[in-house]
N, C-alpha and C. Protein backbone atom coordinates (compact mmCIF):
# COMPACT_ATOMS: atom_id res chain seq x y z
N MET A 1 -26.55 58.39 -138.97
CA MET A 1 -27.18 58.25 -140.04
C MET A 1 -26.09 58.87 -141.46
N GLY A 2 -25.39 59.84 -140.94
CA GLY A 2 -24.17 60.53 -142.02
C GLY A 2 -25.17 61.02 -143.01
N ASN A 3 -24.40 61.50 -144.12
CA ASN A 3 -24.97 62.15 -145.04
C ASN A 3 -25.87 61.73 -145.51
N VAL A 4 -27.14 62.59 -146.03
CA VAL A 4 -28.40 61.55 -146.42
C VAL A 4 -28.84 62.10 -148.03
N VAL A 5 -28.89 61.48 -148.85
CA VAL A 5 -29.28 61.96 -150.19
C VAL A 5 -30.86 61.56 -150.42
N LYS A 6 -31.37 61.73 -151.85
CA LYS A 6 -32.38 61.38 -151.84
C LYS A 6 -31.93 60.40 -153.02
N CYS A 7 -32.84 58.85 -152.91
CA CYS A 7 -32.63 57.93 -153.96
C CYS A 7 -32.95 58.33 -155.24
N ASP A 8 -32.11 58.14 -156.50
CA ASP A 8 -32.46 58.58 -157.90
C ASP A 8 -33.78 57.82 -158.50
N VAL A 9 -34.15 56.82 -157.54
CA VAL A 9 -35.15 56.29 -157.88
C VAL A 9 -36.65 56.13 -157.29
N THR A 10 -36.71 56.07 -156.11
CA THR A 10 -38.00 56.49 -155.31
C THR A 10 -37.93 57.80 -154.92
N GLY A 11 -37.15 58.94 -154.80
CA GLY A 11 -36.77 59.84 -154.02
C GLY A 11 -37.24 59.85 -152.76
N GLN A 12 -36.86 59.09 -152.10
CA GLN A 12 -36.90 58.11 -150.38
C GLN A 12 -35.42 59.34 -149.98
N PRO A 13 -35.28 59.68 -149.20
CA PRO A 13 -34.02 59.85 -148.47
C PRO A 13 -33.00 58.52 -148.04
N VAL A 14 -32.17 58.40 -148.12
CA VAL A 14 -30.87 57.19 -147.82
C VAL A 14 -29.96 58.00 -147.77
N SER A 15 -29.05 57.51 -146.45
CA SER A 15 -27.75 57.71 -146.16
C SER A 15 -27.07 57.16 -147.16
N LEU A 16 -25.96 57.68 -147.25
CA LEU A 16 -24.87 57.39 -148.07
C LEU A 16 -23.94 56.10 -147.67
N ASN A 17 -24.20 56.12 -146.31
CA ASN A 17 -23.71 54.23 -146.18
C ASN A 17 -24.59 53.44 -146.04
N ASP A 18 -26.04 53.93 -146.43
CA ASP A 18 -26.86 52.47 -146.73
C ASP A 18 -27.41 52.28 -148.22
N GLY A 19 -26.85 53.48 -148.78
CA GLY A 19 -27.33 53.24 -150.20
C GLY A 19 -26.61 52.44 -151.42
N VAL A 20 -27.02 52.27 -152.35
CA VAL A 20 -26.29 51.12 -153.07
C VAL A 20 -26.35 51.79 -154.95
N LEU A 21 -25.18 52.03 -154.82
CA LEU A 21 -24.47 52.72 -156.15
C LEU A 21 -25.12 51.28 -157.67
N VAL A 22 -26.10 51.97 -158.36
CA VAL A 22 -26.22 50.86 -159.45
C VAL A 22 -26.38 51.51 -160.86
N VAL A 23 -25.65 50.68 -161.64
CA VAL A 23 -25.85 50.97 -163.04
C VAL A 23 -26.29 50.83 -164.28
N ASN A 24 -26.87 50.99 -165.16
CA ASN A 24 -28.01 50.53 -165.84
C ASN A 24 -26.40 49.76 -167.06
N ARG A 25 -26.19 48.94 -167.48
CA ARG A 25 -24.96 48.12 -167.82
C ARG A 25 -25.65 48.89 -169.77
N GLU A 26 -26.85 48.99 -169.97
CA GLU A 26 -27.01 49.07 -170.94
C GLU A 26 -27.18 50.54 -171.48
N THR A 27 -26.90 51.52 -170.60
CA THR A 27 -26.93 52.99 -171.09
C THR A 27 -25.52 53.51 -170.30
N GLY A 28 -25.14 52.94 -169.36
CA GLY A 28 -24.19 53.53 -168.79
C GLY A 28 -24.43 54.46 -167.83
N GLN A 29 -25.55 54.71 -167.50
CA GLN A 29 -26.50 55.30 -165.87
C GLN A 29 -26.07 55.16 -164.83
N TRP A 30 -25.83 56.10 -163.96
CA TRP A 30 -25.52 55.59 -162.76
C TRP A 30 -26.69 56.03 -162.12
N TYR A 31 -27.09 55.73 -160.90
CA TYR A 31 -27.99 55.68 -159.60
C TYR A 31 -27.43 55.60 -158.61
N PHE A 32 -28.12 56.25 -157.68
CA PHE A 32 -27.53 55.95 -156.04
C PHE A 32 -29.03 56.00 -155.41
N CYS A 33 -29.14 54.46 -154.69
CA CYS A 33 -30.63 53.85 -154.57
C CYS A 33 -30.63 53.34 -153.52
N SER A 34 -31.95 53.42 -152.99
CA SER A 34 -32.26 52.91 -151.80
C SER A 34 -32.40 51.07 -152.13
N GLN A 35 -32.39 50.03 -151.08
CA GLN A 35 -32.45 48.70 -151.46
C GLN A 35 -33.83 48.70 -152.47
N GLU A 36 -34.80 49.22 -151.84
CA GLU A 36 -35.54 49.04 -152.74
C GLU A 36 -35.68 49.66 -153.83
N GLY A 37 -34.71 50.97 -153.89
CA GLY A 37 -34.80 51.58 -155.85
C GLY A 37 -33.82 50.65 -156.43
N GLU A 38 -32.99 49.87 -156.04
CA GLU A 38 -32.38 49.33 -156.83
C GLU A 38 -33.34 48.26 -157.87
N GLU A 39 -33.98 47.49 -156.97
CA GLU A 39 -34.56 46.51 -157.33
C GLU A 39 -35.66 47.05 -159.06
N GLN A 40 -36.07 48.24 -158.93
CA GLN A 40 -36.39 48.74 -159.65
C GLN A 40 -35.74 49.39 -161.06
N VAL A 41 -34.48 49.11 -161.45
CA VAL A 41 -33.23 49.52 -162.19
C VAL A 41 -32.80 48.41 -163.01
N PRO A 42 -33.42 48.09 -164.03
CA PRO A 42 -33.18 47.58 -165.23
C PRO A 42 -31.58 47.07 -165.41
N ASN A 43 -31.45 45.94 -166.03
CA ASN A 43 -29.90 45.50 -166.99
C ASN A 43 -28.75 46.18 -166.01
N LYS A 44 -28.79 46.11 -164.50
CA LYS A 44 -27.93 46.77 -163.80
C LYS A 44 -27.17 45.59 -163.07
N SER A 45 -26.03 46.53 -162.86
CA SER A 45 -24.69 45.82 -161.49
C SER A 45 -24.81 46.73 -160.74
N SER A 46 -24.78 46.17 -159.36
CA SER A 46 -25.15 46.72 -158.49
C SER A 46 -24.01 46.64 -157.29
N PHE A 47 -23.13 47.97 -156.83
CA PHE A 47 -22.26 47.94 -155.71
C PHE A 47 -22.84 48.60 -154.42
N PRO A 48 -22.99 47.23 -153.27
CA PRO A 48 -23.60 47.63 -152.28
C PRO A 48 -22.87 48.60 -151.36
N PRO A 49 -23.00 48.92 -150.01
CA PRO A 49 -22.28 49.50 -149.46
C PRO A 49 -20.85 48.94 -149.75
N VAL A 50 -19.40 49.22 -149.73
CA VAL A 50 -18.46 48.76 -150.10
C VAL A 50 -17.29 48.14 -148.97
N ASP A 51 -17.72 47.62 -148.32
CA ASP A 51 -16.89 47.71 -147.01
C ASP A 51 -15.64 46.78 -146.99
N ARG A 52 -15.19 46.39 -148.03
CA ARG A 52 -14.16 45.97 -148.59
C ARG A 52 -13.07 47.37 -149.07
N VAL A 53 -13.46 48.56 -149.50
CA VAL A 53 -12.57 49.17 -149.87
C VAL A 53 -11.96 50.42 -148.26
N VAL A 54 -11.50 49.77 -148.00
CA VAL A 54 -11.25 50.37 -146.51
C VAL A 54 -9.32 51.11 -146.42
N ASP A 55 -8.94 50.68 -147.45
CA ASP A 55 -7.23 51.08 -147.70
C ASP A 55 -7.27 51.57 -149.34
N GLN A 56 -6.39 51.73 -149.75
CA GLN A 56 -5.93 52.27 -150.61
C GLN A 56 -6.15 51.09 -151.90
N GLU A 57 -5.13 50.04 -151.67
CA GLU A 57 -5.62 48.70 -152.51
C GLU A 57 -6.87 48.42 -152.65
N GLY A 58 -7.90 48.16 -151.82
CA GLY A 58 -9.12 48.29 -152.24
C GLY A 58 -9.55 49.37 -152.97
N LEU A 59 -9.44 50.19 -152.92
CA LEU A 59 -10.19 51.85 -153.51
C LEU A 59 -9.82 51.45 -155.50
N ILE A 60 -8.36 50.88 -155.83
CA ILE A 60 -7.37 50.56 -156.56
C ILE A 60 -8.34 49.50 -157.09
N ASP A 61 -8.45 48.08 -156.20
CA ASP A 61 -8.88 46.96 -156.95
C ASP A 61 -10.33 47.10 -157.64
N LEU A 62 -11.26 48.32 -156.95
CA LEU A 62 -12.87 48.46 -157.27
C LEU A 62 -12.68 49.27 -158.40
N LEU A 63 -11.58 50.37 -158.89
CA LEU A 63 -11.38 50.67 -160.12
C LEU A 63 -10.64 50.14 -161.34
N ALA A 64 -10.05 49.36 -160.81
CA ALA A 64 -9.49 48.40 -161.88
C ALA A 64 -11.06 47.76 -162.45
N TYR A 65 -11.49 47.03 -161.72
CA TYR A 65 -12.49 46.03 -161.95
C TYR A 65 -13.61 46.63 -162.96
N LEU A 66 -13.54 47.98 -162.57
CA LEU A 66 -14.86 49.11 -163.20
C LEU A 66 -13.86 49.22 -164.53
N GLY A 67 -13.21 49.57 -164.71
CA GLY A 67 -12.22 50.09 -165.84
C GLY A 67 -12.44 48.77 -166.86
N ASN A 68 -12.68 47.67 -166.37
CA ASN A 68 -12.32 46.21 -167.20
C ASN A 68 -13.90 46.17 -167.85
N LYS A 69 -15.03 47.15 -167.17
CA LYS A 69 -16.12 46.94 -168.18
C LYS A 69 -16.40 47.66 -169.24
N PRO A 70 -16.72 47.26 -170.67
CA PRO A 70 -17.02 47.58 -171.31
C PRO A 70 -18.32 48.75 -171.33
N TRP A 71 -19.14 48.76 -170.26
CA TRP A 71 -19.91 49.57 -170.25
C TRP A 71 -19.57 50.60 -169.40
N PHE A 72 -18.66 50.42 -168.45
CA PHE A 72 -18.40 51.74 -167.59
C PHE A 72 -17.59 52.93 -168.26
N ASP A 73 -18.34 54.23 -168.15
CA ASP A 73 -17.70 55.54 -168.73
C ASP A 73 -17.54 56.81 -167.20
N PRO A 74 -16.09 56.56 -167.31
CA PRO A 74 -15.53 56.90 -166.21
C PRO A 74 -16.05 58.57 -165.94
N ALA A 75 -16.49 59.13 -167.47
CA ALA A 75 -17.26 60.41 -166.98
C ALA A 75 -18.17 60.34 -166.13
N ARG A 76 -19.46 59.51 -166.74
CA ARG A 76 -20.61 59.24 -166.09
C ARG A 76 -20.70 58.64 -164.80
N PHE A 77 -19.61 57.81 -164.54
CA PHE A 77 -19.07 57.61 -162.96
C PHE A 77 -19.26 58.42 -161.89
N PHE A 78 -17.80 59.62 -162.40
CA PHE A 78 -17.55 60.48 -161.61
C PHE A 78 -18.46 61.56 -161.74
N GLN A 79 -19.76 61.81 -162.64
CA GLN A 79 -20.40 63.01 -162.53
C GLN A 79 -21.42 62.47 -161.18
N LYS A 80 -21.77 61.38 -161.28
CA LYS A 80 -22.88 60.60 -160.21
C LYS A 80 -21.66 60.98 -159.20
N ILE A 81 -20.83 60.68 -158.31
CA ILE A 81 -20.06 60.51 -157.39
C ILE A 81 -20.19 62.17 -157.03
N ALA A 82 -19.88 62.92 -158.41
CA ALA A 82 -19.83 64.57 -157.45
C ALA A 82 -21.16 65.02 -157.39
N GLN A 83 -22.28 64.56 -157.48
CA GLN A 83 -23.73 64.73 -157.37
C GLN A 83 -23.99 64.51 -155.44
N LEU A 84 -23.27 63.17 -155.48
CA LEU A 84 -23.72 62.73 -154.02
C LEU A 84 -22.52 63.49 -152.87
N LYS A 85 -21.78 63.70 -153.03
CA LYS A 85 -20.48 64.59 -152.37
C LYS A 85 -19.78 65.49 -153.37
N PRO A 86 -20.51 66.77 -153.82
CA PRO A 86 -19.50 67.83 -153.92
C PRO A 86 -18.99 68.68 -153.33
N TYR A 87 -17.69 68.75 -153.82
CA TYR A 87 -16.64 69.71 -152.84
C TYR A 87 -16.65 70.99 -153.86
């Protein structure tokens, strides 16, 4: 099952491999959700398990996509990532 965290919306456990990164485009707030929790986030853009980010080019494509969105706040995004996988 991999690393397990709590869904930010439902509080239920969800594997990092099975969860969904979701952003509320109006507030810029990021959530890590189960499939059920994702449906409850208003004004959302979702990033389901990202199968195509399997190499450096895929990662760069995803970050470039995010960087072009007016709602993207890098500090908030990486704060959420650090909560999910602290080092």
